[in-house]
Amino acid sequence: MGGKLHITLEAARVNAGLLQKDVCKQLGISLTTLISWEKYKTSPTADKAQELASIYGLNLDDIIFCKDC
């Protein structure tokens, strides 16, 4: 036991009970940007990644930001 939690951006959002539009509004970003992050086409900046972690109630280290990491 004691394994580290690693969760995708999409799963983190769903687990937090948030819709994409809710997260976009909180972060001041477009839906296209969030979808791009969730599909690993682009990555958020460090400050937006930290905001995402806070919104989702997770530590930054718990979130997977790239598909092949």
Protein backbone atom coordinates (compact mmCIF):
# COMPACT_ATOMS: atom_id res chain seq x y z
CA MET A 1 0.00 0.00 0.00
CA GLY A 2 0.96 3.64 0.23
CA GLY A 3 1.22 4.10 -3.54
CA LYS A 4 1.24 7.58 -4.95
CA LEU A 5 -1.97 8.88 -6.47
CA HIS A 6 -1.68 9.97 -10.09
CA ILE A 7 -4.75 11.28 -11.87
CA THR A 8 -5.41 12.76 -15.29
CA LEU A 9 -6.72 16.30 -15.63
CA GLU A 10 -10.07 15.07 -16.92
CA ALA A 11 -10.49 12.57 -14.08
CA ALA A 12 -9.49 15.20 -11.52
CA ARG A 13 -12.15 17.56 -12.87
CA VAL A 14 -14.84 14.89 -12.90
CA ASN A 15 -13.91 13.73 -9.39
CA ALA A 16 -14.20 17.34 -8.22
CA GLY A 17 -17.73 17.44 -9.65
CA LEU A 18 -16.93 20.23 -12.08
CA LEU A 19 -17.93 20.81 -15.67
CA GLN A 20 -15.39 22.03 -18.20
CA LYS A 21 -17.18 25.37 -18.45
CA ASP A 22 -16.91 25.83 -14.66
CA VAL A 23 -13.16 25.30 -14.68
CA CYS A 24 -12.73 27.60 -17.69
CA LYS A 25 -14.61 30.37 -15.93
CA GLN A 26 -12.55 30.00 -12.73
CA LEU A 27 -9.26 30.04 -14.65
CA GLY A 28 -10.26 32.66 -17.22
CA ILE A 29 -9.41 30.37 -20.14
CA SER A 30 -11.28 29.14 -23.20
CA LEU A 31 -12.94 25.76 -23.46
CA THR A 32 -10.58 24.97 -26.33
CA THR A 33 -7.60 25.52 -24.03
CA LEU A 34 -8.93 23.23 -21.31
CA ILE A 35 -9.78 20.51 -23.81
CA SER A 36 -6.28 20.80 -25.25
CA TRP A 37 -4.81 20.27 -21.76
CA GLU A 38 -7.12 17.34 -21.01
CA LYS A 39 -6.20 15.67 -24.33
CA TYR A 40 -2.44 16.30 -23.74
CA LYS A 41 -2.10 18.42 -26.88
CA THR A 42 -0.69 21.30 -24.83
CA SER A 43 0.25 21.82 -21.19
CA PRO A 44 -0.81 24.55 -18.79
CA THR A 45 1.68 27.11 -17.56
CA ALA A 46 3.06 26.53 -14.08
CA ASP A 47 0.69 29.05 -12.52
CA LYS A 48 -2.37 27.58 -14.27
CA ALA A 49 -1.29 24.06 -13.30
CA GLN A 50 -1.12 25.16 -9.66
CA GLU A 51 -4.55 26.76 -9.95
CA LEU A 52 -5.95 23.54 -11.43
CA ALA A 53 -4.55 21.50 -8.56
CA SER A 54 -6.12 23.90 -6.08
CA ILE A 55 -9.50 23.86 -7.83
CA TYR A 56 -9.45 20.07 -7.92
CA GLY A 57 -8.34 19.77 -4.29
CA LEU A 58 -5.14 17.93 -5.19
CA ASN A 59 -1.42 18.42 -4.87
CA LEU A 60 0.30 19.43 -8.08
CA ASP A 61 2.39 16.23 -7.93
CA ASP A 62 -0.80 14.14 -8.03
CA ILE A 63 -1.86 15.35 -11.48
CA ILE A 64 -0.54 13.90 -14.73
CA PHE A 65 0.16 16.70 -17.20
CA CYS A 66 1.61 14.69 -20.06
CA LYS A 67 0.54 11.48 -21.71
CA ASP A 68 3.94 9.79 -21.76
CA CYS A 69 5.29 10.88 -18.39
